[in-house]
């Protein structure tokens, strides 16, 4: 199984241990009408500005994993 790796605001790689939980949290707390609200999410000392690009990356990863 591949791992979801996203870049934080400092350009460092962060391995997401539970991509589905991560995705749900982003949608529950960092979107408005299912669009990124550009708020900042903190996880394990990494900071991420929630953009539509980040959401697309996470969505694509979770879709691929569910197909397997």
N, C-alpha and C. Protein backbone atom coordinates (compact mmCIF):
# COMPACT_ATOMS: atom_id res chain seq x y z
N UNK A 1 0.84 -1.18 0.00
CA UNK A 1 0.00 0.00 0.00
C UNK A 1 0.88 1.24 0.00
N UNK A 2 0.60 2.14 -0.91
CA UNK A 2 1.34 3.39 -0.95
C UNK A 2 0.92 4.27 0.21
N UNK A 3 1.80 5.18 0.56
CA UNK A 3 1.51 6.11 1.65
C UNK A 3 1.19 7.48 1.07
N UNK A 4 0.28 8.17 1.73
CA UNK A 4 -0.01 9.54 1.35
C UNK A 4 1.04 10.43 1.98
N UNK A 5 1.78 11.13 1.13
CA UNK A 5 2.80 12.06 1.61
C UNK A 5 2.44 13.43 1.05
N UNK A 6 2.28 14.39 1.94
CA UNK A 6 1.95 15.76 1.53
C UNK A 6 3.04 16.69 2.05
N UNK A 7 3.21 17.80 1.36
CA UNK A 7 4.18 18.81 1.77
C UNK A 7 3.51 19.79 2.72
N UNK A 8 4.20 20.11 3.80
CA UNK A 8 3.67 21.12 4.72
C UNK A 8 4.04 22.51 4.21
N UNK A 9 3.68 23.54 4.95
CA UNK A 9 3.93 24.91 4.52
C UNK A 9 5.41 25.25 4.43
N UNK A 10 6.26 24.44 5.06
CA UNK A 10 7.71 24.66 4.99
C UNK A 10 8.36 23.79 3.93
N UNK A 11 7.56 23.06 3.16
CA UNK A 11 8.09 22.23 2.10
C UNK A 11 8.59 20.87 2.56
N UNK A 12 8.32 20.53 3.82
CA UNK A 12 8.75 19.24 4.35
C UNK A 12 7.68 18.19 4.10
N UNK A 13 8.12 16.97 3.81
CA UNK A 13 7.20 15.86 3.61
C UNK A 13 6.58 15.43 4.93
N UNK A 14 5.29 15.12 4.88
CA UNK A 14 4.58 14.60 6.03
C UNK A 14 3.83 13.36 5.58
N UNK A 15 4.06 12.25 6.26
CA UNK A 15 3.35 11.00 5.96
C UNK A 15 2.05 10.98 6.75
N UNK A 16 0.94 10.90 6.04
CA UNK A 16 -0.39 10.86 6.66
C UNK A 16 -0.69 9.42 7.03
N UNK A 17 -0.80 9.14 8.32
CA UNK A 17 -1.02 7.78 8.79
C UNK A 17 -2.41 7.25 8.47
N UNK A 18 -3.40 8.10 8.49
CA UNK A 18 -4.78 7.69 8.23
C UNK A 18 -5.40 8.66 7.22
N UNK A 19 -5.18 8.41 5.92
CA UNK A 19 -5.64 9.35 4.90
C UNK A 19 -7.15 9.62 4.93
N UNK A 20 -7.96 8.62 5.25
CA UNK A 20 -9.41 8.84 5.29
C UNK A 20 -9.79 9.79 6.42
N UNK A 21 -9.20 9.61 7.59
CA UNK A 21 -9.46 10.51 8.71
C UNK A 21 -8.99 11.92 8.38
N UNK A 22 -7.81 12.03 7.77
CA UNK A 22 -7.25 13.32 7.37
C UNK A 22 -8.21 14.04 6.42
N UNK A 23 -8.69 13.30 5.42
CA UNK A 23 -9.62 13.86 4.43
C UNK A 23 -10.91 14.35 5.10
N UNK A 24 -11.48 13.51 5.95
CA UNK A 24 -12.73 13.89 6.64
C UNK A 24 -12.53 15.13 7.49
N UNK A 25 -11.39 15.19 8.21
CA UNK A 25 -11.12 16.36 9.04
C UNK A 25 -11.01 17.63 8.18
N UNK A 26 -10.29 17.54 7.07
CA UNK A 26 -10.15 18.71 6.20
C UNK A 26 -11.51 19.21 5.74
N UNK A 27 -12.38 18.29 5.35
CA UNK A 27 -13.72 18.71 4.88
C UNK A 27 -14.59 19.22 6.02
N UNK A 28 -14.48 18.64 7.19
CA UNK A 28 -15.32 19.07 8.31
C UNK A 28 -14.90 20.42 8.88
N UNK A 29 -13.62 20.73 8.84
CA UNK A 29 -13.14 21.92 9.55
C UNK A 29 -12.43 22.95 8.67
N UNK A 30 -12.14 22.63 7.43
CA UNK A 30 -11.33 23.54 6.62
C UNK A 30 -11.91 23.80 5.22
N UNK A 31 -13.22 23.62 5.08
CA UNK A 31 -13.86 23.92 3.80
C UNK A 31 -15.13 24.72 4.04
N UNK A 32 -15.58 25.35 2.98
CA UNK A 32 -16.87 26.04 2.97
C UNK A 32 -17.52 25.65 1.64
N UNK A 33 -18.69 25.06 1.70
CA UNK A 33 -19.38 24.55 0.50
C UNK A 33 -18.47 23.62 -0.29
N UNK A 34 -17.77 22.74 0.42
CA UNK A 34 -16.87 21.74 -0.17
C UNK A 34 -15.69 22.34 -0.93
N UNK A 35 -15.37 23.59 -0.69
CA UNK A 35 -14.19 24.24 -1.28
C UNK A 35 -13.25 24.62 -0.14
N UNK A 36 -11.97 24.53 -0.41
CA UNK A 36 -10.97 24.88 0.61
C UNK A 36 -11.16 26.32 1.05
N UNK A 37 -11.05 26.54 2.35
CA UNK A 37 -11.24 27.90 2.88
C UNK A 37 -9.92 28.60 3.19
N UNK A 38 -8.80 27.98 2.81
CA UNK A 38 -7.46 28.54 2.99
C UNK A 38 -7.07 28.71 4.45
N UNK A 39 -7.74 27.98 5.33
CA UNK A 39 -7.35 28.00 6.74
C UNK A 39 -6.13 27.10 6.91
N UNK A 40 -5.54 27.16 8.09
CA UNK A 40 -4.33 26.38 8.37
C UNK A 40 -4.68 25.20 9.27
N UNK A 41 -4.27 24.03 8.84
CA UNK A 41 -4.44 22.80 9.61
C UNK A 41 -3.10 22.43 10.21
N UNK A 42 -3.10 22.08 11.50
CA UNK A 42 -1.88 21.65 12.19
C UNK A 42 -2.00 20.19 12.54
N UNK A 43 -0.95 19.44 12.27
CA UNK A 43 -0.95 18.03 12.62
C UNK A 43 0.49 17.61 12.90
N UNK A 44 0.71 17.12 14.11
CA UNK A 44 2.03 16.61 14.51
C UNK A 44 3.15 17.62 14.25
N UNK A 45 2.88 18.87 14.52
CA UNK A 45 3.89 19.91 14.36
C UNK A 45 4.08 20.39 12.93
N UNK A 46 3.25 19.92 12.01
CA UNK A 46 3.30 20.36 10.61
C UNK A 46 2.07 21.22 10.35
N UNK A 47 2.27 22.27 9.57
CA UNK A 47 1.19 23.20 9.26
C UNK A 47 0.90 23.15 7.76
N UNK A 48 -0.39 23.08 7.42
CA UNK A 48 -0.81 22.99 6.03
C UNK A 48 -1.88 24.04 5.77
N UNK A 49 -1.68 24.87 4.76
CA UNK A 49 -2.75 25.74 4.31
C UNK A 49 -3.65 24.88 3.44
N UNK A 50 -4.92 24.82 3.79
CA UNK A 50 -5.85 23.94 3.08
C UNK A 50 -6.31 24.65 1.81
N UNK A 51 -5.81 24.14 0.70
CA UNK A 51 -6.12 24.67 -0.63
C UNK A 51 -6.89 23.61 -1.41
N UNK A 52 -7.49 24.03 -2.52
CA UNK A 52 -8.17 23.06 -3.37
C UNK A 52 -7.17 22.06 -3.92
N UNK A 53 -5.94 22.48 -4.15
CA UNK A 53 -4.91 21.55 -4.64
C UNK A 53 -4.64 20.46 -3.61
N UNK A 54 -4.54 20.82 -2.34
CA UNK A 54 -4.34 19.82 -1.28
C UNK A 54 -5.54 18.87 -1.21
N UNK A 55 -6.75 19.42 -1.26
CA UNK A 55 -7.95 18.58 -1.22
C UNK A 55 -7.98 17.61 -2.40
N UNK A 56 -7.63 18.11 -3.58
CA UNK A 56 -7.61 17.25 -4.77
C UNK A 56 -6.61 16.12 -4.60
N UNK A 57 -5.44 16.43 -4.07
CA UNK A 57 -4.40 15.43 -3.85
C UNK A 57 -4.87 14.34 -2.88
N UNK A 58 -5.48 14.75 -1.79
CA UNK A 58 -5.97 13.80 -0.79
C UNK A 58 -7.13 12.99 -1.35
N UNK A 59 -8.05 13.64 -2.06
CA UNK A 59 -9.18 12.93 -2.67
C UNK A 59 -8.72 11.89 -3.67
N UNK A 60 -7.79 12.26 -4.53
CA UNK A 60 -7.28 11.33 -5.54
C UNK A 60 -6.62 10.12 -4.88
N UNK A 61 -5.85 10.35 -3.84
CA UNK A 61 -5.20 9.25 -3.14
C UNK A 61 -6.23 8.31 -2.53
N UNK A 62 -7.22 8.86 -1.83
CA UNK A 62 -8.20 8.01 -1.17
C UNK A 62 -9.06 7.26 -2.20
N UNK A 63 -9.34 7.88 -3.35
CA UNK A 63 -10.08 7.17 -4.42
C UNK A 63 -9.28 5.98 -4.93
N UNK A 64 -7.99 6.19 -5.18
CA UNK A 64 -7.14 5.10 -5.68
C UNK A 64 -7.06 3.96 -4.69
N UNK A 65 -6.94 4.27 -3.40
CA UNK A 65 -6.83 3.25 -2.37
C UNK A 65 -8.13 2.43 -2.29
N UNK A 66 -9.27 3.09 -2.40
CA UNK A 66 -10.56 2.39 -2.31
C UNK A 66 -10.78 1.46 -3.50
N UNK A 67 -10.17 1.75 -4.65
CA UNK A 67 -10.31 0.91 -5.83
C UNK A 67 -9.51 -0.37 -5.71
N UNK A 68 -8.51 -0.38 -4.87
CA UNK A 68 -7.63 -1.55 -4.75
C UNK A 68 -8.27 -2.66 -3.98
